[in-house]
mmCIF file of all heavy atoms, coordinates in Angstrom:
data_MODEL
# 
_entry.id   MODEL 
# 
loop_
_atom_site.group_PDB 
_atom_site.id 
_atom_site.type_symbol 
_atom_site.label_atom_id 
_atom_site.label_alt_id 
_atom_site.label_comp_id 
_atom_site.label_asym_id 
_atom_site.label_entity_id 
_atom_site.label_seq_id 
_atom_site.pdbx_PDB_ins_code 
_atom_site.Cartn_x 
_atom_site.Cartn_y 
_atom_site.Cartn_z 
_atom_site.occupancy 
_atom_site.B_iso_or_equiv 
_atom_site.pdbx_formal_charge 
_atom_site.auth_seq_id 
_atom_site.auth_comp_id 
_atom_site.auth_asym_id 
_atom_site.auth_atom_id 
_atom_site.pdbx_PDB_model_num 
ATOM 1   N N   . TRP A 1 1  ? 1.604   -10.715 17.872 1.00 0.00 ? 1  TRP A N   1 
ATOM 2   C CA  . TRP A 1 1  ? 2.166   -12.038 17.615 1.00 0.00 ? 1  TRP A CA  1 
ATOM 3   C C   . TRP A 1 1  ? 1.231   -13.144 18.113 1.00 0.00 ? 1  TRP A C   1 
ATOM 4   O O   . TRP A 1 1  ? 1.101   -14.202 17.466 1.00 0.00 ? 1  TRP A O   1 
ATOM 5   C CB  . TRP A 1 1  ? 3.545   -12.182 18.268 1.00 0.00 ? 1  TRP A CB  1 
ATOM 6   C CG  . TRP A 1 1  ? 4.645   -11.626 17.419 1.00 0.00 ? 1  TRP A CG  1 
ATOM 7   C CD1 . TRP A 1 1  ? 5.429   -10.541 17.682 1.00 0.00 ? 1  TRP A CD1 1 
ATOM 8   C CD2 . TRP A 1 1  ? 5.087   -12.138 16.164 1.00 0.00 ? 1  TRP A CD2 1 
ATOM 9   N NE1 . TRP A 1 1  ? 6.316   -10.329 16.662 1.00 0.00 ? 1  TRP A NE1 1 
ATOM 10  C CE2 . TRP A 1 1  ? 6.141   -11.286 15.716 1.00 0.00 ? 1  TRP A CE2 1 
ATOM 11  C CE3 . TRP A 1 1  ? 4.697   -13.199 15.348 1.00 0.00 ? 1  TRP A CE3 1 
ATOM 12  C CZ2 . TRP A 1 1  ? 6.800   -11.498 14.505 1.00 0.00 ? 1  TRP A CZ2 1 
ATOM 13  C CZ3 . TRP A 1 1  ? 5.357   -13.409 14.148 1.00 0.00 ? 1  TRP A CZ3 1 
ATOM 14  C CH2 . TRP A 1 1  ? 6.397   -12.562 13.743 1.00 0.00 ? 1  TRP A CH2 1 
ATOM 15  N N   . SER A 1 2  ? 0.554   -12.911 19.226 1.00 0.00 ? 2  SER A N   1 
ATOM 16  C CA  . SER A 1 2  ? -0.382  -13.925 19.725 1.00 0.00 ? 2  SER A CA  1 
ATOM 17  C C   . SER A 1 2  ? -1.539  -14.111 18.749 1.00 0.00 ? 2  SER A C   1 
ATOM 18  O O   . SER A 1 2  ? -2.040  -15.231 18.576 1.00 0.00 ? 2  SER A O   1 
ATOM 19  C CB  . SER A 1 2  ? -0.908  -13.520 21.106 1.00 0.00 ? 2  SER A CB  1 
ATOM 20  O OG  . SER A 1 2  ? -1.773  -12.394 21.027 1.00 0.00 ? 2  SER A OG  1 
ATOM 21  N N   . THR A 1 3  ? -1.958  -13.023 18.112 1.00 0.00 ? 3  THR A N   1 
ATOM 22  C CA  . THR A 1 3  ? -3.015  -13.112 17.101 1.00 0.00 ? 3  THR A CA  1 
ATOM 23  C C   . THR A 1 3  ? -2.555  -13.952 15.918 1.00 0.00 ? 3  THR A C   1 
ATOM 24  O O   . THR A 1 3  ? -3.261  -14.848 15.455 1.00 0.00 ? 3  THR A O   1 
ATOM 25  C CB  . THR A 1 3  ? -3.412  -11.705 16.610 1.00 0.00 ? 3  THR A CB  1 
ATOM 26  O OG1 . THR A 1 3  ? -3.965  -10.950 17.693 1.00 0.00 ? 3  THR A OG1 1 
ATOM 27  C CG2 . THR A 1 3  ? -4.444  -11.784 15.492 1.00 0.00 ? 3  THR A CG2 1 
ATOM 28  N N   . LEU A 1 4  ? -1.354  -13.661 15.428 1.00 0.00 ? 4  LEU A N   1 
ATOM 29  C CA  . LEU A 1 4  ? -0.827  -14.375 14.259 1.00 0.00 ? 4  LEU A CA  1 
ATOM 30  C C   . LEU A 1 4  ? -0.548  -15.841 14.572 1.00 0.00 ? 4  LEU A C   1 
ATOM 31  O O   . LEU A 1 4  ? -0.851  -16.729 13.765 1.00 0.00 ? 4  LEU A O   1 
ATOM 32  C CB  . LEU A 1 4  ? 0.445   -13.682 13.774 1.00 0.00 ? 4  LEU A CB  1 
ATOM 33  C CG  . LEU A 1 4  ? 0.264   -12.260 13.221 1.00 0.00 ? 4  LEU A CG  1 
ATOM 34  C CD1 . LEU A 1 4  ? 1.618   -11.603 12.989 1.00 0.00 ? 4  LEU A CD1 1 
ATOM 35  C CD2 . LEU A 1 4  ? -0.543  -12.284 11.923 1.00 0.00 ? 4  LEU A CD2 1 
ATOM 36  N N   . LYS A 1 5  ? 0.030   -16.119 15.738 1.00 0.00 ? 5  LYS A N   1 
ATOM 37  C CA  . LYS A 1 5  ? 0.360   -17.500 16.099 1.00 0.00 ? 5  LYS A CA  1 
ATOM 38  C C   . LYS A 1 5  ? -0.881  -18.340 16.355 1.00 0.00 ? 5  LYS A C   1 
ATOM 39  O O   . LYS A 1 5  ? -0.819  -19.581 16.306 1.00 0.00 ? 5  LYS A O   1 
ATOM 40  C CB  . LYS A 1 5  ? 1.277   -17.503 17.324 1.00 0.00 ? 5  LYS A CB  1 
ATOM 41  C CG  . LYS A 1 5  ? 2.683   -16.976 17.022 1.00 0.00 ? 5  LYS A CG  1 
ATOM 42  C CD  . LYS A 1 5  ? 3.558   -16.940 18.272 1.00 0.00 ? 5  LYS A CD  1 
ATOM 43  C CE  . LYS A 1 5  ? 4.955   -16.415 17.947 1.00 0.00 ? 5  LYS A CE  1 
ATOM 44  N NZ  . LYS A 1 5  ? 5.818   -16.335 19.162 1.00 0.00 ? 5  LYS A NZ  1 
ATOM 45  N N   . ALA A 1 6  ? -2.001  -17.663 16.612 1.00 0.00 ? 6  ALA A N   1 
ATOM 46  C CA  . ALA A 1 6  ? -3.260  -18.384 16.794 1.00 0.00 ? 6  ALA A CA  1 
ATOM 47  C C   . ALA A 1 6  ? -3.915  -18.707 15.455 1.00 0.00 ? 6  ALA A C   1 
ATOM 48  O O   . ALA A 1 6  ? -5.016  -19.257 15.410 1.00 0.00 ? 6  ALA A O   1 
ATOM 49  C CB  . ALA A 1 6  ? -4.212  -17.557 17.657 1.00 0.00 ? 6  ALA A CB  1 
ATOM 50  N N   . GLY A 1 7  ? -3.236  -18.355 14.366 1.00 0.00 ? 7  GLY A N   1 
ATOM 51  C CA  . GLY A 1 7  ? -3.767  -18.633 13.034 1.00 0.00 ? 7  GLY A CA  1 
ATOM 52  C C   . GLY A 1 7  ? -4.764  -17.604 12.547 1.00 0.00 ? 7  GLY A C   1 
ATOM 53  O O   . GLY A 1 7  ? -5.469  -17.844 11.563 1.00 0.00 ? 7  GLY A O   1 
ATOM 54  N N   . ARG A 1 8  ? -4.831  -16.477 13.219 1.00 0.00 ? 8  ARG A N   1 
ATOM 55  C CA  . ARG A 1 8  ? -5.739  -15.406 12.833 1.00 0.00 ? 8  ARG A CA  1 
ATOM 56  C C   . ARG A 1 8  ? -4.976  -14.332 12.068 1.00 0.00 ? 8  ARG A C   1 
ATOM 57  O O   . ARG A 1 8  ? -3.753  -14.236 12.152 1.00 0.00 ? 8  ARG A O   1 
ATOM 58  C CB  . ARG A 1 8  ? -6.389  -14.789 14.079 1.00 0.00 ? 8  ARG A CB  1 
ATOM 59  C CG  . ARG A 1 8  ? -7.176  -15.769 14.918 1.00 0.00 ? 8  ARG A CG  1 
ATOM 60  C CD  . ARG A 1 8  ? -7.562  -15.169 16.264 1.00 0.00 ? 8  ARG A CD  1 
ATOM 61  N NE  . ARG A 1 8  ? -8.404  -13.986 16.116 1.00 0.00 ? 8  ARG A NE  1 
ATOM 62  C CZ  . ARG A 1 8  ? -8.690  -13.157 17.125 1.00 0.00 ? 8  ARG A CZ  1 
ATOM 63  N NH1 . ARG A 1 8  ? -8.177  -13.371 18.334 1.00 0.00 ? 8  ARG A NH1 1 
ATOM 64  N NH2 . ARG A 1 8  ? -9.474  -12.112 16.905 1.00 0.00 ? 8  ARG A NH2 1 
ATOM 65  N N   . VAL A 1 9  ? -5.715  -13.533 11.335 1.00 0.00 ? 9  VAL A N   1 
ATOM 66  C CA  . VAL A 1 9  ? -5.110  -12.390 10.658 1.00 0.00 ? 9  VAL A CA  1 
ATOM 67  C C   . VAL A 1 9  ? -5.243  -11.168 11.558 1.00 0.00 ? 9  VAL A C   1 
ATOM 68  O O   . VAL A 1 9  ? -6.057  -11.151 12.491 1.00 0.00 ? 9  VAL A O   1 
ATOM 69  C CB  . VAL A 1 9  ? -5.781  -12.106 9.296  1.00 0.00 ? 9  VAL A CB  1 
ATOM 70  C CG1 . VAL A 1 9  ? -5.640  -13.293 8.373  1.00 0.00 ? 9  VAL A CG1 1 
ATOM 71  C CG2 . VAL A 1 9  ? -7.263  -11.744 9.484  1.00 0.00 ? 9  VAL A CG2 1 
ATOM 72  N N   . VAL A 1 10 ? -4.449  -10.148 11.277 1.00 0.00 ? 10 VAL A N   1 
ATOM 73  C CA  . VAL A 1 10 ? -4.612  -8.867  11.954 1.00 0.00 ? 10 VAL A CA  1 
ATOM 74  C C   . VAL A 1 10 ? -5.636  -8.083  11.147 1.00 0.00 ? 10 VAL A C   1 
ATOM 75  O O   . VAL A 1 10 ? -5.336  -7.629  10.045 1.00 0.00 ? 10 VAL A O   1 
ATOM 76  C CB  . VAL A 1 10 ? -3.278  -8.096  12.039 1.00 0.00 ? 10 VAL A CB  1 
ATOM 77  C CG1 . VAL A 1 10 ? -3.488  -6.705  12.634 1.00 0.00 ? 10 VAL A CG1 1 
ATOM 78  C CG2 . VAL A 1 10 ? -2.270  -8.886  12.875 1.00 0.00 ? 10 VAL A CG2 1 
ATOM 79  N N   . PRO A 1 11 ? -6.856  -7.939  11.619 1.00 0.00 ? 11 PRO A N   1 
ATOM 80  C CA  . PRO A 1 11 ? -7.907  -7.309  10.821 1.00 0.00 ? 11 PRO A CA  1 
ATOM 81  C C   . PRO A 1 11 ? -7.612  -5.842  10.549 1.00 0.00 ? 11 PRO A C   1 
ATOM 82  O O   . PRO A 1 11 ? -7.085  -5.121  11.402 1.00 0.00 ? 11 PRO A O   1 
ATOM 83  C CB  . PRO A 1 11 ? -9.158  -7.475  11.688 1.00 0.00 ? 11 PRO A CB  1 
ATOM 84  C CG  . PRO A 1 11 ? -8.647  -7.620  13.074 1.00 0.00 ? 11 PRO A CG  1 
ATOM 85  C CD  . PRO A 1 11 ? -7.334  -8.331  12.962 1.00 0.00 ? 11 PRO A CD  1 
ATOM 86  N N   . GLY A 1 12 ? -7.953  -5.418  9.335  1.00 0.00 ? 12 GLY A N   1 
ATOM 87  C CA  . GLY A 1 12 ? -7.721  -4.018  8.968  1.00 0.00 ? 12 GLY A CA  1 
ATOM 88  C C   . GLY A 1 12 ? -6.365  -3.764  8.361  1.00 0.00 ? 12 GLY A C   1 
ATOM 89  O O   . GLY A 1 12 ? -6.069  -2.622  7.973  1.00 0.00 ? 12 GLY A O   1 
ATOM 90  N N   . TYR A 1 13 ? -5.549  -4.811  8.239  1.00 0.00 ? 13 TYR A N   1 
ATOM 91  C CA  . TYR A 1 13 ? -4.216  -4.642  7.659  1.00 0.00 ? 13 TYR A CA  1 
ATOM 92  C C   . TYR A 1 13 ? -4.083  -5.506  6.412  1.00 0.00 ? 13 TYR A C   1 
ATOM 93  O O   . TYR A 1 13 ? -4.549  -6.644  6.368  1.00 0.00 ? 13 TYR A O   1 
ATOM 94  C CB  . TYR A 1 13 ? -3.128  -4.995  8.682  1.00 0.00 ? 13 TYR A CB  1 
ATOM 95  C CG  . TYR A 1 13 ? -2.871  -3.836  9.614  1.00 0.00 ? 13 TYR A CG  1 
ATOM 96  C CD1 . TYR A 1 13 ? -3.806  -3.496  10.580 1.00 0.00 ? 13 TYR A CD1 1 
ATOM 97  C CD2 . TYR A 1 13 ? -1.735  -3.037  9.488  1.00 0.00 ? 13 TYR A CD2 1 
ATOM 98  C CE1 . TYR A 1 13 ? -3.617  -2.406  11.416 1.00 0.00 ? 13 TYR A CE1 1 
ATOM 99  C CE2 . TYR A 1 13 ? -1.535  -1.940  10.317 1.00 0.00 ? 13 TYR A CE2 1 
ATOM 100 C CZ  . TYR A 1 13 ? -2.485  -1.635  11.269 1.00 0.00 ? 13 TYR A CZ  1 
ATOM 101 O OH  . TYR A 1 13 ? -2.294  -0.537  12.077 1.00 0.00 ? 13 TYR A OH  1 
ATOM 102 N N   . GLY A 1 14 ? -3.466  -4.917  5.377  1.00 0.00 ? 14 GLY A N   1 
ATOM 103 C CA  . GLY A 1 14 ? -3.370  -5.566  4.085  1.00 0.00 ? 14 GLY A CA  1 
ATOM 104 C C   . GLY A 1 14 ? -4.486  -5.093  3.175  1.00 0.00 ? 14 GLY A C   1 
ATOM 105 O O   . GLY A 1 14 ? -5.533  -4.604  3.629  1.00 0.00 ? 14 GLY A O   1 
ATOM 106 N N   . HIS A 1 15 ? -4.249  -5.213  1.889  1.00 0.00 ? 15 HIS A N   1 
ATOM 107 C CA  . HIS A 1 15 ? -5.238  -4.797  0.900  1.00 0.00 ? 15 HIS A CA  1 
ATOM 108 C C   . HIS A 1 15 ? -4.963  -5.522  -0.399 1.00 0.00 ? 15 HIS A C   1 
ATOM 109 O O   . HIS A 1 15 ? -3.806  -5.733  -0.768 1.00 0.00 ? 15 HIS A O   1 
ATOM 110 C CB  . HIS A 1 15 ? -5.187  -3.284  0.684  1.00 0.00 ? 15 HIS A CB  1 
ATOM 111 C CG  . HIS A 1 15 ? -6.359  -2.732  -0.067 1.00 0.00 ? 15 HIS A CG  1 
ATOM 112 N ND1 . HIS A 1 15 ? -6.428  -2.769  -1.443 1.00 0.00 ? 15 HIS A ND1 1 
ATOM 113 C CD2 . HIS A 1 15 ? -7.506  -2.156  0.343  1.00 0.00 ? 15 HIS A CD2 1 
ATOM 114 C CE1 . HIS A 1 15 ? -7.564  -2.222  -1.835 1.00 0.00 ? 15 HIS A CE1 1 
ATOM 115 N NE2 . HIS A 1 15 ? -8.247  -1.844  -0.774 1.00 0.00 ? 15 HIS A NE2 1 
ATOM 116 N N   . ALA A 1 16 ? -6.032  -5.897  -1.089 1.00 0.00 ? 16 ALA A N   1 
ATOM 117 C CA  . ALA A 1 16 ? -5.870  -6.674  -2.322 1.00 0.00 ? 16 ALA A CA  1 
ATOM 118 C C   . ALA A 1 16 ? -5.209  -5.880  -3.433 1.00 0.00 ? 16 ALA A C   1 
ATOM 119 O O   . ALA A 1 16 ? -4.592  -6.454  -4.333 1.00 0.00 ? 16 ALA A O   1 
ATOM 120 C CB  . ALA A 1 16 ? -7.229  -7.185  -2.786 1.00 0.00 ? 16 ALA A CB  1 
ATOM 121 N N   . VAL A 1 17 ? -5.328  -4.567  -3.385 1.00 0.00 ? 17 VAL A N   1 
ATOM 122 C CA  . VAL A 1 17 ? -4.809  -3.723  -4.462 1.00 0.00 ? 17 VAL A CA  1 
ATOM 123 C C   . VAL A 1 17 ? -3.672  -2.825  -3.987 1.00 0.00 ? 17 VAL A C   1 
ATOM 124 O O   . VAL A 1 17 ? -2.609  -2.742  -4.613 1.00 0.00 ? 17 VAL A O   1 
ATOM 125 C CB  . VAL A 1 17 ? -5.936  -2.860  -5.076 1.00 0.00 ? 17 VAL A CB  1 
ATOM 126 C CG1 . VAL A 1 17 ? -5.374  -1.929  -6.158 1.00 0.00 ? 17 VAL A CG1 1 
ATOM 127 C CG2 . VAL A 1 17 ? -7.026  -3.755  -5.668 1.00 0.00 ? 17 VAL A CG2 1 
ATOM 128 N N   . LEU A 1 18 ? -3.887  -2.137  -2.878 1.00 0.00 ? 18 LEU A N   1 
ATOM 129 C CA  . LEU A 1 18 ? -2.900  -1.174  -2.399 1.00 0.00 ? 18 LEU A CA  1 
ATOM 130 C C   . LEU A 1 18 ? -1.665  -1.865  -1.831 1.00 0.00 ? 18 LEU A C   1 
ATOM 131 O O   . LEU A 1 18 ? -1.747  -2.961  -1.281 1.00 0.00 ? 18 LEU A O   1 
ATOM 132 C CB  . LEU A 1 18 ? -3.521  -0.284  -1.319 1.00 0.00 ? 18 LEU A CB  1 
ATOM 133 C CG  . LEU A 1 18 ? -4.715  0.577   -1.756 1.00 0.00 ? 18 LEU A CG  1 
ATOM 134 C CD1 . LEU A 1 18 ? -5.287  1.306   -0.557 1.00 0.00 ? 18 LEU A CD1 1 
ATOM 135 C CD2 . LEU A 1 18 ? -4.291  1.570   -2.824 1.00 0.00 ? 18 LEU A CD2 1 
ATOM 136 N N   . ARG A 1 19 ? -0.539  -1.217  -1.949 1.00 0.00 ? 19 ARG A N   1 
ATOM 137 C CA  . ARG A 1 19 ? 0.711   -1.726  -1.398 1.00 0.00 ? 19 ARG A CA  1 
ATOM 138 C C   . ARG A 1 19 ? 1.388   -0.677  -0.516 1.00 0.00 ? 19 ARG A C   1 
ATOM 139 O O   . ARG A 1 19 ? 2.606   -0.628  -0.389 1.00 0.00 ? 19 ARG A O   1 
ATOM 140 C CB  . ARG A 1 19 ? 1.659   -2.171  -2.533 1.00 0.00 ? 19 ARG A CB  1 
ATOM 141 C CG  . ARG A 1 19 ? 1.156   -3.379  -3.313 1.00 0.00 ? 19 ARG A CG  1 
ATOM 142 C CD  . ARG A 1 19 ? 1.118   -4.619  -2.442 1.00 0.00 ? 19 ARG A CD  1 
ATOM 143 N NE  . ARG A 1 19 ? 0.543   -5.764  -3.132 1.00 0.00 ? 19 ARG A NE  1 
ATOM 144 C CZ  . ARG A 1 19 ? -0.720  -6.144  -3.028 1.00 0.00 ? 19 ARG A CZ  1 
ATOM 145 N NH1 . ARG A 1 19 ? -1.555  -5.447  -2.270 1.00 0.00 ? 19 ARG A NH1 1 
ATOM 146 N NH2 . ARG A 1 19 ? -1.166  -7.200  -3.671 1.00 0.00 ? 19 ARG A NH2 1 
ATOM 147 N N   . LYS A 1 20 ? 0.581   0.155   0.088  1.00 0.00 ? 20 LYS A N   1 
ATOM 148 C CA  . LYS A 1 20 ? 1.063   1.165   1.031  1.00 0.00 ? 20 LYS A CA  1 
ATOM 149 C C   . LYS A 1 20 ? -0.094  1.500   1.958  1.00 0.00 ? 20 LYS A C   1 
ATOM 150 O O   . LYS A 1 20 ? -1.195  0.974   1.811  1.00 0.00 ? 20 LYS A O   1 
ATOM 151 C CB  . LYS A 1 20 ? 1.531   2.410   0.284  1.00 0.00 ? 20 LYS A CB  1 
ATOM 152 C CG  . LYS A 1 20 ? 0.439   3.086   -0.543 1.00 0.00 ? 20 LYS A CG  1 
ATOM 153 C CD  . LYS A 1 20 ? 0.980   4.301   -1.270 1.00 0.00 ? 20 LYS A CD  1 
ATOM 154 C CE  . LYS A 1 20 ? -0.123  4.988   -2.089 1.00 0.00 ? 20 LYS A CE  1 
ATOM 155 N NZ  . LYS A 1 20 ? 0.395   6.177   -2.803 1.00 0.00 ? 20 LYS A NZ  1 
ATOM 156 N N   . THR A 1 21 ? 0.144   2.367   2.941  1.00 0.00 ? 21 THR A N   1 
ATOM 157 C CA  . THR A 1 21 ? -0.931  2.759   3.833  1.00 0.00 ? 21 THR A CA  1 
ATOM 158 C C   . THR A 1 21 ? -2.073  3.371   3.037  1.00 0.00 ? 21 THR A C   1 
ATOM 159 O O   . THR A 1 21 ? -1.873  4.269   2.220  1.00 0.00 ? 21 THR A O   1 
ATOM 160 C CB  . THR A 1 21 ? -0.424  3.786   4.871  1.00 0.00 ? 21 THR A CB  1 
ATOM 161 O OG1 . THR A 1 21 ? 0.620   3.187   5.645  1.00 0.00 ? 21 THR A OG1 1 
ATOM 162 C CG2 . THR A 1 21 ? -1.547  4.228   5.793  1.00 0.00 ? 21 THR A CG2 1 
ATOM 163 N N   . ASP A 1 22 ? -3.270  2.862   3.260  1.00 0.00 ? 22 ASP A N   1 
ATOM 164 C CA  . ASP A 1 22 ? -4.454  3.324   2.554  1.00 0.00 ? 22 ASP A CA  1 
ATOM 165 C C   . ASP A 1 22 ? -4.664  4.819   2.837  1.00 0.00 ? 22 ASP A C   1 
ATOM 166 O O   . ASP A 1 22 ? -4.766  5.217   4.004  1.00 0.00 ? 22 ASP A O   1 
ATOM 167 C CB  . ASP A 1 22 ? -5.661  2.518   3.045  1.00 0.00 ? 22 ASP A CB  1 
ATOM 168 C CG  . ASP A 1 22 ? -6.906  2.691   2.203  1.00 0.00 ? 22 ASP A CG  1 
ATOM 169 O OD1 . ASP A 1 22 ? -7.056  3.763   1.584  1.00 0.00 ? 22 ASP A OD1 1 
ATOM 170 O OD2 . ASP A 1 22 ? -7.729  1.753   2.175  1.00 0.00 ? 22 ASP A OD2 1 
ATOM 171 N N   . PRO A 1 23 ? -4.709  5.665   1.804  1.00 0.00 ? 23 PRO A N   1 
ATOM 172 C CA  . PRO A 1 23 ? -4.926  7.098   2.044  1.00 0.00 ? 23 PRO A CA  1 
ATOM 173 C C   . PRO A 1 23 ? -6.242  7.386   2.754  1.00 0.00 ? 23 PRO A C   1 
ATOM 174 O O   . PRO A 1 23 ? -6.388  8.408   3.422  1.00 0.00 ? 23 PRO A O   1 
ATOM 175 C CB  . PRO A 1 23 ? -4.894  7.714   0.645  1.00 0.00 ? 23 PRO A CB  1 
ATOM 176 C CG  . PRO A 1 23 ? -5.127  6.581   -0.304 1.00 0.00 ? 23 PRO A CG  1 
ATOM 177 C CD  . PRO A 1 23 ? -4.542  5.384   0.363  1.00 0.00 ? 23 PRO A CD  1 
ATOM 178 N N   . ARG A 1 24 ? -7.204  6.491   2.644  1.00 0.00 ? 24 ARG A N   1 
ATOM 179 C CA  . ARG A 1 24 ? -8.474  6.655   3.363  1.00 0.00 ? 24 ARG A CA  1 
ATOM 180 C C   . ARG A 1 24 ? -8.274  6.438   4.856  1.00 0.00 ? 24 ARG A C   1 
ATOM 181 O O   . ARG A 1 24 ? -8.942  7.065   5.686  1.00 0.00 ? 24 ARG A O   1 
ATOM 182 C CB  . ARG A 1 24 ? -9.524  5.692   2.799  1.00 0.00 ? 24 ARG A CB  1 
ATOM 183 C CG  . ARG A 1 24 ? -9.839  5.928   1.326  1.00 0.00 ? 24 ARG A CG  1 
ATOM 184 C CD  . ARG A 1 24 ? -10.655 4.794   0.742  1.00 0.00 ? 24 ARG A CD  1 
ATOM 185 N NE  . ARG A 1 24 ? -9.943  3.525   0.846  1.00 0.00 ? 24 ARG A NE  1 
ATOM 186 C CZ  . ARG A 1 24 ? -10.479 2.330   0.588  1.00 0.00 ? 24 ARG A CZ  1 
ATOM 187 N NH1 . ARG A 1 24 ? -11.744 2.247   0.204  1.00 0.00 ? 24 ARG A NH1 1 
ATOM 188 N NH2 . ARG A 1 24 ? -9.766  1.229   0.703  1.00 0.00 ? 24 ARG A NH2 1 
ATOM 189 N N   . TYR A 1 25 ? -7.337  5.566   5.213  1.00 0.00 ? 25 TYR A N   1 
ATOM 190 C CA  . TYR A 1 25 ? -6.960  5.409   6.620  1.00 0.00 ? 25 TYR A CA  1 
ATOM 191 C C   . TYR A 1 25 ? -6.312  6.690   7.124  1.00 0.00 ? 25 TYR A C   1 
ATOM 192 O O   . TYR A 1 25 ? -6.620  7.165   8.222  1.00 0.00 ? 25 TYR A O   1 
ATOM 193 C CB  . TYR A 1 25 ? -5.992  4.233   6.781  1.00 0.00 ? 25 TYR A CB  1 
ATOM 194 C CG  . TYR A 1 25 ? -5.430  4.079   8.180  1.00 0.00 ? 25 TYR A CG  1 
ATOM 195 C CD1 . TYR A 1 25 ? -6.063  3.253   9.104  1.00 0.00 ? 25 TYR A CD1 1 
ATOM 196 C CD2 . TYR A 1 25 ? -4.282  4.759   8.579  1.00 0.00 ? 25 TYR A CD2 1 
ATOM 197 C CE1 . TYR A 1 25 ? -5.566  3.111   10.391 1.00 0.00 ? 25 TYR A CE1 1 
ATOM 198 C CE2 . TYR A 1 25 ? -3.780  4.633   9.861  1.00 0.00 ? 25 TYR A CE2 1 
ATOM 199 C CZ  . TYR A 1 25 ? -4.428  3.808   10.757 1.00 0.00 ? 25 TYR A CZ  1 
ATOM 200 O OH  . TYR A 1 25 ? -3.935  3.686   12.041 1.00 0.00 ? 25 TYR A OH  1 
ATOM 201 N N   . VAL A 1 26 ? -5.432  7.243   6.320  1.00 0.00 ? 26 VAL A N   1 
ATOM 202 C CA  . VAL A 1 26 ? -4.725  8.469   6.714  1.00 0.00 ? 26 VAL A CA  1 
ATOM 203 C C   . VAL A 1 26 ? -5.701  9.611   6.955  1.00 0.00 ? 26 VAL A C   1 
ATOM 204 O O   . VAL A 1 26 ? -5.572  10.368  7.929  1.00 0.00 ? 26 VAL A O   1 
ATOM 205 C CB  . VAL A 1 26 ? -3.691  8.865   5.638  1.00 0.00 ? 26 VAL A CB  1 
ATOM 206 C CG1 . VAL A 1 26 ? -3.051  10.203  5.983  1.00 0.00 ? 26 VAL A CG1 1 
ATOM 207 C CG2 . VAL A 1 26 ? -2.627  7.787   5.493  1.00 0.00 ? 26 VAL A CG2 1 
ATOM 208 N N   . SER A 1 27 ? -6.704  9.738   6.112  1.00 0.00 ? 27 SER A N   1 
ATOM 209 C CA  . SER A 1 27 ? -7.665  10.826  6.276  1.00 0.00 ? 27 SER A CA  1 
ATOM 210 C C   . SER A 1 27 ? -8.457  10.664  7.573  1.00 0.00 ? 27 SER A C   1 
ATOM 211 O O   . SER A 1 27 ? -8.754  11.659  8.258  1.00 0.00 ? 27 SER A O   1 
ATOM 212 C CB  . SER A 1 27 ? -8.610  10.885  5.072  1.00 0.00 ? 27 SER A CB  1 
ATOM 213 O OG  . SER A 1 27 ? -9.423  9.729   4.992  1.00 0.00 ? 27 SER A OG  1 
# 
């Protein structure tokens, strides 16, 4: 929450195409 409230993104989360956990992350 401190990251988000500082106006920063949580790096490594979200994807322009995928809408679920990246299977490459899972591997």
